[in-house]
Amino acid sequence: MTDATKKTRNVNPMKILGMIIPSLPSILFRFSGEYLRFRSKANKGGCVFHNELIYQGLDASTAKSLTEVYLEGSNILKYVFSLRGWNNSS
């Protein structure tokens, strides 16, 4: 490798961290807003799903359990915890 290539590959992690830290509040604010909108849409979809199950003739307890299974797929935190290997007790 040439000296120029070595210089470009030498990345200072503190410099990268120094660039990321000031932008963290805005990133967290944007992602939290998107997360809340996503959960709101998922819950609305769950209500429609529940009401349709009852309308089609299922009893309320079965419809509720099926709706919980339906909404489980929209739990992003569950996926994050499972990917990271953390135990999510909630």
PDB file of N, CA and C in Angstrom:
ATOM      1  N   MET A   1       0.823  -1.184   0.000  1.00  0.00           N
ATOM      2  CA  MET A   1       0.000   0.000   0.000  1.00  0.00           C
ATOM      3  C   MET A   1       0.872   1.254   0.000  1.00  0.00           C
ATOM      4  N   THR A   2       0.354   2.267  -0.582  1.00  0.00           N
ATOM      5  CA  THR A   2       1.082   3.524  -0.588  1.00  0.00           C
ATOM      6  C   THR A   2       0.783   4.288   0.694  1.00  0.00           C
ATOM      7  N   ASP A   3       1.545   5.323   0.921  1.00  0.00           N
ATOM      8  CA  ASP A   3       1.349   6.127   2.132  1.00  0.00           C
ATOM      9  C   ASP A   3       0.004   6.842   2.113  1.00  0.00           C
ATOM     10  N   ALA A   4      -0.438   7.255   0.946  1.00  0.00           N
ATOM     11  CA  ALA A   4      -1.727   7.951   0.838  1.00  0.00           C
ATOM     12  C   ALA A   4      -2.871   7.015   1.198  1.00  0.00           C
ATOM     13  N   THR A   5      -2.789   5.761   0.794  1.00  0.00           N
ATOM     14  CA  THR A   5      -3.837   4.785   1.117  1.00  0.00           C
ATOM     15  C   THR A   5      -3.863   4.509   2.608  1.00  0.00           C
ATOM     16  N   LYS A   6      -2.699   4.411   3.227  1.00  0.00           N
ATOM     17  CA  LYS A   6      -2.642   4.172   4.672  1.00  0.00           C
ATOM     18  C   LYS A   6      -3.247   5.329   5.443  1.00  0.00           C
ATOM     19  N   LYS A   7      -3.022   6.543   4.970  1.00  0.00           N
ATOM     20  CA  LYS A   7      -3.560   7.716   5.658  1.00  0.00           C
ATOM     21  C   LYS A   7      -5.085   7.772   5.551  1.00  0.00           C
ATOM     22  N   THR A   8      -5.630   7.400   4.410  1.00  0.00           N
ATOM     23  CA  THR A   8      -7.077   7.450   4.250  1.00  0.00           C
ATOM     24  C   THR A   8      -7.764   6.340   5.026  1.00  0.00           C
ATOM     25  N   ARG A   9      -7.100   5.213   5.260  1.00  0.00           N
ATOM     26  CA  ARG A   9      -7.703   4.107   5.995  1.00  0.00           C
ATOM     27  C   ARG A   9      -7.594   4.289   7.506  1.00  0.00           C
ATOM     28  N   ASN A  10      -6.713   5.153   7.948  1.00  0.00           N
ATOM     29  CA  ASN A  10      -6.552   5.384   9.373  1.00  0.00           C
ATOM     30  C   ASN A  10      -7.651   6.328   9.845  1.00  0.00           C
ATOM     31  N   VAL A  11      -8.687   5.758  10.458  1.00  0.00           N
ATOM     32  CA  VAL A  11      -9.843   6.535  10.896  1.00  0.00           C
ATOM     33  C   VAL A  11      -9.785   6.655  12.405  1.00  0.00           C
ATOM     34  N   ASN A  12      -9.906   7.847  12.872  1.00  0.00           N
ATOM     35  CA  ASN A  12      -9.891   8.100  14.305  1.00  0.00           C
ATOM     36  C   ASN A  12     -11.303   7.919  14.867  1.00  0.00           C
ATOM     37  N   PRO A  13     -11.537   6.905  15.729  1.00  0.00           N
ATOM     38  CA  PRO A  13     -12.884   6.686  16.262  1.00  0.00           C
ATOM     39  C   PRO A  13     -13.382   7.848  17.107  1.00  0.00           C
ATOM     40  N   MET A  14     -12.495   8.551  17.766  1.00  0.00           N
ATOM     41  CA  MET A  14     -12.918   9.699  18.575  1.00  0.00           C
ATOM     42  C   MET A  14     -13.463  10.818  17.690  1.00  0.00           C
ATOM     43  N   LYS A  15     -12.893  10.964  16.504  1.00  0.00           N
ATOM     44  CA  LYS A  15     -13.379  11.989  15.575  1.00  0.00           C
ATOM     45  C   LYS A  15     -14.789  11.636  15.096  1.00  0.00           C
ATOM     46  N   ILE A  16     -15.017  10.362  14.795  1.00  0.00           N
ATOM     47  CA  ILE A  16     -16.350   9.919  14.364  1.00  0.00           C
ATOM     48  C   ILE A  16     -17.354  10.096  15.494  1.00  0.00           C
ATOM     49  N   LEU A  17     -16.957   9.713  16.707  1.00  0.00           N
ATOM     50  CA  LEU A  17     -17.832   9.864  17.869  1.00  0.00           C
ATOM     51  C   LEU A  17     -18.138  11.335  18.128  1.00  0.00           C
ATOM     52  N   GLY A  18     -17.144  12.183  17.939  1.00  0.00           N
ATOM     53  CA  GLY A  18     -17.350  13.619  18.101  1.00  0.00           C
ATOM     54  C   GLY A  18     -18.307  14.205  17.080  1.00  0.00           C
ATOM     55  N   MET A  19     -18.413  13.583  15.916  1.00  0.00           N
ATOM     56  CA  MET A  19     -19.363  14.056  14.910  1.00  0.00           C
ATOM     57  C   MET A  19     -20.764  13.524  15.171  1.00  0.00           C
ATOM     58  N   ILE A  20     -20.867  12.337  15.777  1.00  0.00           N
ATOM     59  CA  ILE A  20     -22.169  11.715  15.998  1.00  0.00           C
ATOM     60  C   ILE A  20     -22.867  12.279  17.236  1.00  0.00           C
ATOM     61  N   ILE A  21     -22.141  12.511  18.307  1.00  0.00           N
ATOM     62  CA  ILE A  21     -22.752  12.925  19.573  1.00  0.00           C
ATOM     63  C   ILE A  21     -23.587  14.201  19.447  1.00  0.00           C
ATOM     64  N   PRO A  22     -23.129  15.254  18.776  1.00  0.00           N
ATOM     65  CA  PRO A  22     -23.982  16.448  18.679  1.00  0.00           C
ATOM     66  C   PRO A  22     -25.288  16.223  17.918  1.00  0.00           C
ATOM     67  N   SER A  23     -25.317  15.246  17.020  1.00  0.00           N
ATOM     68  CA  SER A  23     -26.536  15.018  16.244  1.00  0.00           C
ATOM     69  C   SER A  23     -27.466  13.982  16.892  1.00  0.00           C
ATOM     70  N   LEU A  24     -27.052  13.360  17.996  1.00  0.00           N
ATOM     71  CA  LEU A  24     -27.883  12.341  18.643  1.00  0.00           C
ATOM     72  C   LEU A  24     -29.261  12.843  19.085  1.00  0.00           C
ATOM     73  N   PRO A  25     -29.374  14.007  19.720  1.00  0.00           N
ATOM     74  CA  PRO A  25     -30.722  14.441  20.130  1.00  0.00           C
ATOM     75  C   PRO A  25     -31.705  14.565  18.973  1.00  0.00           C
ATOM     76  N   SER A  26     -31.255  15.108  17.844  1.00  0.00           N
ATOM     77  CA  SER A  26     -32.175  15.247  16.709  1.00  0.00           C
ATOM     78  C   SER A  26     -32.515  13.884  16.111  1.00  0.00           C
ATOM     79  N   ILE A  27     -31.541  12.975  16.063  1.00  0.00           N
ATOM     80  CA  ILE A  27     -31.806  11.629  15.540  1.00  0.00           C
ATOM     81  C   ILE A  27     -32.805  10.907  16.433  1.00  0.00           C
ATOM     82  N   LEU A  28     -32.596  10.972  17.741  1.00  0.00           N
ATOM     83  CA  LEU A  28     -33.522  10.322  18.672  1.00  0.00           C
ATOM     84  C   LEU A  28     -34.913  10.931  18.597  1.00  0.00           C
ATOM     85  N   PHE A  29     -34.990  12.245  18.446  1.00  0.00           N
ATOM     86  CA  PHE A  29     -36.284  12.915  18.334  1.00  0.00           C
ATOM     87  C   PHE A  29     -37.022  12.450  17.080  1.00  0.00           C
ATOM     88  N   ARG A  30     -36.321  12.351  15.959  1.00  0.00           N
ATOM     89  CA  ARG A  30     -36.952  11.915  14.708  1.00  0.00           C
ATOM     90  C   ARG A  30     -37.411  10.458  14.795  1.00  0.00           C
ATOM     91  N   PHE A  31     -36.546   9.588  15.304  1.00  0.00           N
ATOM     92  CA  PHE A  31     -36.894   8.172  15.386  1.00  0.00           C
ATOM     93  C   PHE A  31     -38.018   7.916  16.383  1.00  0.00           C
ATOM     94  N   SER A  32     -38.042   8.677  17.474  1.00  0.00           N
ATOM     95  CA  SER A  32     -39.122   8.473  18.440  1.00  0.00           C
ATOM     96  C   SER A  32     -40.457   8.902  17.849  1.00  0.00           C
ATOM     97  N   GLY A  33     -40.458   9.971  17.068  1.00  0.00           N
ATOM     98  CA  GLY A  33     -41.699  10.391  16.403  1.00  0.00           C
ATOM     99  C   GLY A  33     -42.179   9.356  15.407  1.00  0.00           C
ATOM    100  N   GLU A  34     -41.255   8.822  14.631  1.00  0.00           N
ATOM    101  CA  GLU A  34     -41.622   7.773  13.667  1.00  0.00           C
ATOM    102  C   GLU A  34     -42.107   6.518  14.378  1.00  0.00           C
ATOM    103  N   TYR A  35     -41.453   6.178  15.475  1.00  0.00           N
ATOM    104  CA  TYR A  35     -41.861   4.994  16.229  1.00  0.00           C
ATOM    105  C   TYR A  35     -43.276   5.160  16.782  1.00  0.00           C
ATOM    106  N   LEU A  36     -43.581   6.344  17.317  1.00  0.00           N
ATOM    107  CA  LEU A  36     -44.924   6.584  17.852  1.00  0.00           C
ATOM    108  C   LEU A  36     -45.978   6.547  16.750  1.00  0.00           C
ATOM    109  N   ARG A  37     -45.663   7.098  15.576  1.00  0.00           N
ATOM    110  CA  ARG A  37     -46.610   7.036  14.462  1.00  0.00           C
ATOM    111  C   ARG A  37     -46.823   5.590  14.011  1.00  0.00           C
ATOM    112  N   PHE A  38     -45.749   4.822  13.953  1.00  0.00           N
ATOM    113  CA  PHE A  38     -45.842   3.421  13.572  1.00  0.00           C
ATOM    114  C   PHE A  38     -46.710   2.638  14.555  1.00  0.00           C
ATOM    115  N   ARG A  39     -46.485   2.844  15.863  1.00  0.00           N
ATOM    116  CA  ARG A  39     -47.276   2.133  16.877  1.00  0.00           C
ATOM    117  C   ARG A  39     -48.742   2.557  16.816  1.00  0.00           C
ATOM    118  N   SER A  40     -48.989   3.825  16.553  1.00  0.00           N
ATOM    119  CA  SER A  40     -50.363   4.308  16.446  1.00  0.00           C
ATOM    120  C   SER A  40     -51.086   3.641  15.277  1.00  0.00           C
ATOM    121  N   LYS A  41     -50.421   3.552  14.140  1.00  0.00           N
ATOM    122  CA  LYS A  41     -51.026   2.895  12.976  1.00  0.00           C
ATOM    123  C   LYS A  41     -51.230   1.409  13.228  1.00  0.00           C
ATOM    124  N   ALA A  42     -50.275   0.779  13.915  1.00  0.00           N
ATOM    125  CA  ALA A  42     -50.409  -0.644  14.226  1.00  0.00           C
ATOM    126  C   ALA A  42     -51.578  -0.879  15.168  1.00  0.00           C
ATOM    127  N   ASN A  43     -51.740  -0.018  16.158  1.00  0.00           N
ATOM    128  CA  ASN A  43     -52.861  -0.183  17.089  1.00  0.00           C
ATOM    129  C   ASN A  43     -54.206   0.048  16.406  1.00  0.00           C
ATOM    130  N   LYS A  44     -54.260   1.014  15.494  1.00  0.00           N
ATOM    131  CA  LYS A  44     -55.490   1.238  14.732  1.00  0.00           C
ATOM    132  C   LYS A  44     -55.809   0.013  13.874  1.00  0.00           C
ATOM    133  N   GLY A  45     -54.776  -0.551  13.255  1.00  0.00           N
ATOM    134  CA  GLY A  45     -54.965  -1.766  12.463  1.00  0.00           C
ATOM    135  C   GLY A  45     -55.414  -2.927  13.333  1.00  0.00           C
ATOM    136  N   GLY A  46     -54.882  -3.004  14.553  1.00  0.00           N
ATOM    137  CA  GLY A  46     -55.300  -4.042  15.488  1.00  0.00           C
ATOM    138  C   GLY A  46     -56.761  -3.904  15.882  1.00  0.00           C
ATOM    139  N   CYS A  47     -57.220  -2.672  16.071  1.00  0.00           N
ATOM    140  CA  CYS A  47     -58.638  -2.445  16.398  1.00  0.00           C
ATOM    141  C   CYS A  47     -59.539  -2.870  15.241  1.00  0.00           C
ATOM    142  N   VAL A  48     -59.145  -2.524  14.026  1.00  0.00           N
ATOM    143  CA  VAL A  48     -59.929  -2.921  12.852  1.00  0.00           C
ATOM    144  C   VAL A  48     -59.951  -4.436  12.735  1.00  0.00           C
ATOM    145  N   PHE A  49     -58.786  -5.066  12.941  1.00  0.00           N
ATOM    146  CA  PHE A  49     -58.688  -6.524  12.880  1.00  0.00           C
ATOM    147  C   PHE A  49     -59.588  -7.165  13.932  1.00  0.00           C
ATOM    148  N   HIS A  50     -59.554  -6.656  15.143  1.00  0.00           N
ATOM    149  CA  HIS A  50     -60.380  -7.180  16.240  1.00  0.00           C
ATOM    150  C   HIS A  50     -61.868  -7.042  15.920  1.00  0.00           C
ATOM    151  N   ASN A  51     -62.245  -5.857  15.451  1.00  0.00           N
ATOM    152  CA  ASN A  51     -63.657  -5.625  15.135  1.00  0.00           C
ATOM    153  C   ASN A  51     -64.138  -6.522  13.992  1.00  0.00           C
ATOM    154  N   GLU A  52     -63.289  -6.736  13.006  1.00  0.00           N
ATOM    155  CA  GLU A  52     -63.663  -7.608  11.890  1.00  0.00           C
ATOM    156  C   GLU A  52     -63.806  -9.060  12.334  1.00  0.00           C
ATOM    157  N   LEU A  53     -62.935  -9.498  13.232  1.00  0.00           N
ATOM    158  CA  LEU A  53     -63.060 -10.862  13.746  1.00  0.00           C
ATOM    159  C   LEU A  53     -64.384 -11.049  14.486  1.00  0.00           C
ATOM    160  N   ILE A  54     -64.739 -10.076  15.296  1.00  0.00           N
ATOM    161  CA  ILE A  54     -66.013 -10.151  16.016  1.00  0.00           C
ATOM    162  C   ILE A  54     -67.174 -10.076  15.034  1.00  0.00           C
ATOM    163  N   TYR A  55     -67.062  -9.218  14.017  1.00  0.00           N
ATOM    164  CA  TYR A  55     -68.112  -9.084  13.016  1.00  0.00           C
ATOM    165  C   TYR A  55     -68.298 -10.391  12.243  1.00  0.00           C
ATOM    166  N   GLN A  56     -67.209 -11.122  12.023  1.00  0.00           N
ATOM    167  CA  GLN A  56     -67.283 -12.389  11.287  1.00  0.00           C
ATOM    168  C   GLN A  56     -67.796 -13.547  12.143  1.00  0.00           C
ATOM    169  N   GLY A  57     -67.972 -13.322  13.457  1.00  0.00           N
ATOM    170  CA  GLY A  57     -68.594 -14.339  14.281  1.00  0.00           C
ATOM    171  C   GLY A  57     -67.710 -14.979  15.337  1.00  0.00           C
ATOM    172  N   LEU A  58     -66.487 -14.522  15.513  1.00  0.00           N
ATOM    173  CA  LEU A  58     -65.638 -15.072  16.569  1.00  0.00           C
ATOM    174  C   LEU A  58     -66.039 -14.478  17.910  1.00  0.00           C
ATOM    175  N   ASP A  59     -65.819 -15.258  18.980  1.00  0.00           N
ATOM    176  CA  ASP A  59     -66.125 -14.713  20.298  1.00  0.00           C
ATOM    177  C   ASP A  59     -65.033 -13.719  20.695  1.00  0.00           C
ATOM    178  N   ALA A  60     -65.330 -12.890  21.694  1.00  0.00           N
ATOM    179  CA  ALA A  60     -64.443 -11.777  22.050  1.00  0.00           C
ATOM    180  C   ALA A  60     -63.092 -12.248  22.587  1.00  0.00           C
ATOM    181  N   SER A  61     -63.067 -13.322  23.367  1.00  0.00           N
ATOM    182  CA  SER A  61     -61.789 -13.772  23.941  1.00  0.00           C
ATOM    183  C   SER A  61     -60.852 -14.318  22.861  1.00  0.00           C
ATOM    184  N   THR A  62     -61.391 -15.060  21.915  1.00  0.00           N
ATOM    185  CA  THR A  62     -60.568 -15.569  20.811  1.00  0.00           C
ATOM    186  C   THR A  62     -60.090 -14.422  19.933  1.00  0.00           C
ATOM    187  N   ALA A  63     -60.974 -13.464  19.678  1.00  0.00           N
ATOM    188  CA  ALA A  63     -60.610 -12.304  18.863  1.00  0.00           C
ATOM    189  C   ALA A  63     -59.507 -11.497  19.552  1.00  0.00           C
ATOM    190  N   LYS A  64     -59.593 -11.368  20.875  1.00  0.00           N
ATOM    191  CA  LYS A  64     -58.573 -10.622  21.604  1.00  0.00           C
ATOM    192  C   LYS A  64     -57.222 -11.322  21.529  1.00  0.00           C
ATOM    193  N   SER A  65     -57.206 -12.645  21.699  1.00  0.00           N
ATOM    194  CA  SER A  65     -55.928 -13.367  21.641  1.00  0.00           C
ATOM    195  C   SER A  65     -55.324 -13.325  20.235  1.00  0.00           C
ATOM    196  N   LEU A  66     -56.171 -13.419  19.210  1.00  0.00           N
ATOM    197  CA  LEU A  66     -55.676 -13.322  17.837  1.00  0.00           C
ATOM    198  C   LEU A  66     -55.163 -11.920  17.521  1.00  0.00           C
ATOM    199  N   THR A  67     -55.801 -10.915  18.088  1.00  0.00           N
ATOM    200  CA  THR A  67     -55.353  -9.538  17.890  1.00  0.00           C
ATOM    201  C   THR A  67     -54.000  -9.319  18.552  1.00  0.00           C
ATOM    202  N   GLU A  68     -53.788  -9.910  19.728  1.00  0.00           N
ATOM    203  CA  GLU A  68     -52.484  -9.792  20.389  1.00  0.00           C
ATOM    204  C   GLU A  68     -51.382 -10.429  19.545  1.00  0.00           C
ATOM    205  N   VAL A  69     -51.683 -11.565  18.942  1.00  0.00           N
ATOM    206  CA  VAL A  69     -50.707 -12.218  18.058  1.00  0.00           C
ATOM    207  C   VAL A  69     -50.462 -11.346  16.827  1.00  0.00           C
ATOM    208  N   TYR A  70     -51.519 -10.732  16.323  1.00  0.00           N
ATOM    209  CA  TYR A  70     -51.410  -9.847  15.162  1.00  0.00           C
ATOM    210  C   TYR A  70     -50.525  -8.640  15.485  1.00  0.00           C
ATOM    211  N   LEU A  71     -50.707  -8.054  16.667  1.00  0.00           N
ATOM    212  CA  LEU A  71     -49.942  -6.874  17.051  1.00  0.00           C
ATOM    213  C   LEU A  71     -48.512  -7.204  17.464  1.00  0.00           C
ATOM    214  N   GLU A  72     -48.236  -8.446  17.772  1.00  0.00           N
ATOM    215  CA  GLU A  72     -46.894  -8.855  18.166  1.00  0.00           C
ATOM    216  C   GLU A  72     -45.890  -8.622  17.034  1.00  0.00           C
ATOM    217  N   GLY A  73     -46.360  -8.725  15.825  1.00  0.00           N
ATOM    218  CA  GLY A  73     -45.482  -8.510  14.677  1.00  0.00           C
ATOM    219  C   GLY A  73     -45.041  -7.077  14.505  1.00  0.00           C
ATOM    220  N   SER A  74     -45.741  -6.127  15.114  1.00  0.00           N
ATOM    221  CA  SER A  74     -45.369  -4.720  14.989  1.00  0.00           C
ATOM    222  C   SER A  74     -44.551  -4.228  16.170  1.00  0.00           C
ATOM    223  N   ASN A  75     -44.099  -5.126  17.024  1.00  0.00           N
ATOM    224  CA  ASN A  75     -43.296  -4.736  18.174  1.00  0.00           C
ATOM    225  C   ASN A  75     -41.825  -4.696  17.765  1.00  0.00           C
ATOM    226  N   ILE A  76     -41.359  -3.513  17.411  1.00  0.00           N
ATOM    227  CA  ILE A  76     -39.991  -3.348  16.929  1.00  0.00           C
ATOM    228  C   ILE A  76     -38.982  -3.655  18.024  1.00  0.00           C
ATOM    229  N   LEU A  77     -39.301  -3.268  19.253  1.00  0.00           N
ATOM    230  CA  LEU A  77     -38.361  -3.500  20.340  1.00  0.00           C
ATOM    231  C   LEU A  77     -38.108  -4.985  20.558  1.00  0.00           C
ATOM    232  N   LYS A  78     -39.114  -5.798  20.304  1.00  0.00           N
ATOM    233  CA  LYS A  78     -38.933  -7.244  20.433  1.00  0.00           C
ATOM    234  C   LYS A  78     -37.874  -7.741  19.449  1.00  0.00           C
ATOM    235  N   TYR A  79     -37.914  -7.221  18.227  1.00  0.00           N
ATOM    236  CA  TYR A  79     -36.931  -7.613  17.227  1.00  0.00           C
ATOM    237  C   TYR A  79     -35.538  -7.108  17.592  1.00  0.00           C
ATOM    238  N   VAL A  80     -35.459  -5.877  18.094  1.00  0.00           N
ATOM    239  CA  VAL A  80     -34.163  -5.315  18.465  1.00  0.00           C
ATOM    240  C   VAL A  80     -33.542  -6.131  19.592  1.00  0.00           C
ATOM    241  N   PHE A  81     -34.346  -6.459  20.608  1.00  0.00           N
ATOM    242  CA  PHE A  81     -33.813  -7.234  21.727  1.00  0.00           C
ATOM    243  C   PHE A  81     -33.402  -8.630  21.298  1.00  0.00           C
ATOM    244  N   SER A  82     -34.166  -9.239  20.403  1.00  0.00           N
ATOM    245  CA  SER A  82     -33.805 -10.589  19.967  1.00  0.00           C
ATOM    246  C   SER A  82     -32.556 -10.575  19.094  1.00  0.00           C
ATOM    247  N   LEU A  83     -32.383  -9.527  18.282  1.00  0.00           N
ATOM    248  CA  LEU A  83     -31.187  -9.430  17.446  1.00  0.00           C
ATOM    249  C   LEU A  83     -29.934  -9.164  18.283  1.00  0.00           C
ATOM    250  N   ARG A  84     -30.087  -8.384  19.338  1.00  0.00           N
ATOM    251  CA  ARG A  84     -28.952  -8.061  20.191  1.00  0.00           C
ATOM    252  C   ARG A  84     -28.663  -9.160  21.204  1.00  0.00           C
ATOM    253  N   GLY A  85     -29.581 -10.102  21.387  1.00  0.00           N
ATOM    254  CA  GLY A  85     -29.381 -11.174  22.338  1.00  0.00           C
ATOM    255  C   GLY A  85     -29.764 -10.809  23.756  1.00  0.00           C
ATOM    256  N   TRP A  86     -30.480  -9.679  23.923  1.00  0.00           N
ATOM    257  CA  TRP A  86     -30.909  -9.281  25.253  1.00  0.00           C
ATOM    258  C   TRP A  86     -32.195  -9.981  25.589  1.00  0.00           C
ATOM    259  N   ASN A  87     -32.445 -10.171  26.853  1.00  0.00           N
ATOM    260  CA  ASN A  87     -33.672 -10.797  27.313  1.00  0.00           C
ATOM    261  C   ASN A  87     -34.713  -9.721  27.541  1.00  0.00           C
ATOM    262  N   ASN A  88     -35.785  -9.760  26.786  1.00  0.00           N
ATOM    263  CA  ASN A  88     -36.867  -8.796  26.924  1.00  0.00           C
ATOM    264  C   ASN A  88     -37.984  -9.454  27.707  1.00  0.00           C
ATOM    265  N   SER A  89     -38.110  -9.093  28.976  1.00  0.00           N
ATOM    266  CA  SER A  89     -39.096  -9.745  29.834  1.00  0.00           C
ATOM    267  C   SER A  89     -40.475  -9.151  29.693  1.00  0.00           C
ATOM    268  N   SER A  90     -40.618  -7.999  29.036  1.00  0.00           N
ATOM    269  CA  SER A  90     -41.950  -7.393  28.920  1.00  0.00           C
ATOM    270  C   SER A  90     -42.688  -7.860  27.699  1.00  0.00           C
TER     271      SER A  90
END
